[in-house]
N, C-alpha and C. Protein backbone atom coordinates (compact mmCIF):
# COMPACT_ATOMS: atom_id res chain seq x y z
N UNK A 1 92.40 64.21 82.72
CA UNK A 1 93.06 65.25 82.06
C UNK A 1 92.66 66.69 82.64
N UNK A 2 91.45 67.06 82.41
CA UNK A 2 90.69 68.06 82.50
C UNK A 2 90.84 68.42 84.23
N UNK A 3 90.46 67.59 84.93
CA UNK A 3 90.12 68.43 86.11
C UNK A 3 91.99 68.26 86.62
N UNK A 4 92.89 67.80 86.04
CA UNK A 4 94.44 68.08 86.44
C UNK A 4 94.42 69.71 86.26
N UNK A 5 94.13 69.98 84.58
CA UNK A 5 94.43 71.45 84.47
C UNK A 5 93.41 72.13 85.06
N UNK A 6 92.48 71.58 85.47
CA UNK A 6 91.52 72.58 86.50
C UNK A 6 91.91 72.91 88.02
N UNK A 7 92.77 71.85 88.60
CA UNK A 7 93.65 71.75 89.59
C UNK A 7 94.48 72.73 89.68
N UNK A 8 95.27 72.20 88.74
CA UNK A 8 96.43 73.32 88.28
C UNK A 8 96.13 75.02 88.19
N UNK A 9 94.98 75.49 87.44
CA UNK A 9 94.75 76.65 87.20
C UNK A 9 94.19 77.22 88.63
N UNK A 10 93.38 76.62 89.20
CA UNK A 10 92.66 76.92 90.51
C UNK A 10 93.73 77.57 91.15
N UNK A 11 95.14 76.29 91.84
CA UNK A 11 96.21 76.63 92.35
C UNK A 11 96.65 77.51 92.01
N UNK A 12 97.13 77.70 90.64
CA UNK A 12 97.86 79.14 90.03
C UNK A 12 97.15 80.21 90.35
N UNK A 13 96.06 80.64 90.59
CA UNK A 13 95.15 81.79 90.79
C UNK A 13 95.05 81.65 92.68
N UNK A 14 95.24 81.11 93.15
CA UNK A 14 95.10 80.93 94.61
C UNK A 14 96.76 81.44 95.19
N UNK A 15 97.81 81.02 94.48
CA UNK A 15 98.87 81.29 94.82
C UNK A 15 99.34 82.63 94.22
N UNK A 16 98.89 82.97 93.23
CA UNK A 16 98.71 84.57 92.78
C UNK A 16 98.48 85.37 93.31
N UNK A 17 96.91 85.51 93.74
CA UNK A 17 96.57 86.14 94.75
C UNK A 17 97.00 86.09 96.13
N UNK A 18 97.84 85.49 96.50
CA UNK A 18 98.48 85.03 97.88
C UNK A 18 99.75 86.11 97.46
N UNK A 19 100.34 86.02 96.58
CA UNK A 19 101.62 86.39 96.63
C UNK A 19 101.28 88.56 96.12
N UNK A 20 99.68 88.71 95.35
CA UNK A 20 99.77 90.19 95.22
C UNK A 20 99.57 90.20 96.43
N UNK A 21 98.70 89.62 97.30
CA UNK A 21 97.68 90.48 97.99
C UNK A 21 96.63 91.13 97.89
N UNK A 22 95.63 90.46 99.01
CA UNK A 22 94.15 91.05 98.96
C UNK A 22 94.01 92.53 99.60
N UNK A 23 93.66 93.67 98.69
CA UNK A 23 93.70 94.81 99.47
C UNK A 23 92.87 95.06 100.54
N UNK A 24 91.84 94.20 100.11
CA UNK A 24 90.77 94.22 101.36
C UNK A 24 90.79 93.88 102.24
N UNK A 25 91.20 92.87 102.54
CA UNK A 25 91.41 91.52 103.76
C UNK A 25 92.71 92.68 104.02
N UNK A 26 93.96 93.24 103.60
CA UNK A 26 95.32 93.71 103.93
C UNK A 26 94.23 95.14 105.17
N UNK A 27 93.32 95.63 104.77
CA UNK A 27 93.00 96.85 105.35
C UNK A 27 92.14 96.36 106.46
N UNK A 28 91.57 95.49 106.63
CA UNK A 28 90.94 94.71 107.82
C UNK A 28 92.24 94.63 108.96
N UNK A 29 93.32 94.44 108.60
CA UNK A 29 94.45 94.14 109.61
C UNK A 29 95.55 95.14 110.01
N UNK A 30 95.15 96.36 109.84
CA UNK A 30 96.01 97.30 109.94
C UNK A 30 96.66 97.27 111.33
N UNK A 31 97.85 97.98 111.56
CA UNK A 31 97.91 97.41 113.12
C UNK A 31 97.80 99.27 113.61
N UNK A 32 97.94 99.39 114.91
CA UNK A 32 97.44 100.35 115.54
C UNK A 32 98.67 101.32 115.03
N UNK A 33 98.29 102.84 115.08
CA UNK A 33 99.55 104.20 115.02
C UNK A 33 100.66 103.95 115.68
N UNK A 34 101.88 104.29 115.20
CA UNK A 34 102.83 104.29 116.24
C UNK A 34 102.61 105.44 117.04
N UNK A 35 103.56 105.94 118.13
CA UNK A 35 103.77 107.00 118.40
C UNK A 35 102.37 108.15 119.42
N UNK A 36 102.68 108.93 120.08
CA UNK A 36 101.56 109.85 120.63
C UNK A 36 100.73 110.34 120.02
N UNK A 37 99.78 110.11 120.14
CA UNK A 37 98.59 110.43 119.91
C UNK A 37 98.14 111.60 120.41
N UNK A 38 97.39 112.23 119.90
CA UNK A 38 96.99 113.66 120.24
C UNK A 38 95.26 113.57 121.11
N UNK A 39 95.21 113.72 121.93
CA UNK A 39 93.70 113.76 123.17
C UNK A 39 93.47 115.31 123.30
N UNK A 40 92.09 115.21 123.17
CA UNK A 40 91.39 116.49 123.42
C UNK A 40 90.52 115.93 123.84
N UNK A 41 89.96 116.14 125.31
CA UNK A 41 88.69 115.99 125.64
C UNK A 41 87.57 116.84 125.24
N UNK A 42 87.86 118.09 124.69
CA UNK A 42 86.69 118.87 123.76
C UNK A 42 87.43 119.28 122.55
N UNK A 43 86.75 118.67 121.34
CA UNK A 43 87.56 118.86 120.26
C UNK A 43 87.72 120.34 119.77
N UNK A 44 86.39 121.02 120.35
CA UNK A 44 85.74 122.09 119.54
C UNK A 44 86.31 123.58 121.05
N UNK A 45 87.74 123.80 120.78
CA UNK A 45 88.02 124.86 122.15
C UNK A 45 87.65 126.19 121.19
N UNK A 46 87.22 126.66 122.08
CA UNK A 46 86.53 128.10 121.73
C UNK A 46 87.94 129.37 121.67
N UNK A 47 88.05 130.04 120.73
CA UNK A 47 88.92 130.93 120.74
C UNK A 47 91.03 130.09 120.35
N UNK A 48 90.20 129.07 119.75
CA UNK A 48 91.87 128.82 119.00
C UNK A 48 91.37 128.45 117.41
């Protein structure tokens, strides 16, 4: 019975973690930004 309760507890913890999301893991899988991205060959322009 103790093993069964431990298995249920582990399952519940994994299900809750999956449902709430893992913020550290989500940051690794961010999609690229959408839209036109500014591009400058020389980031430090003189006079601007």
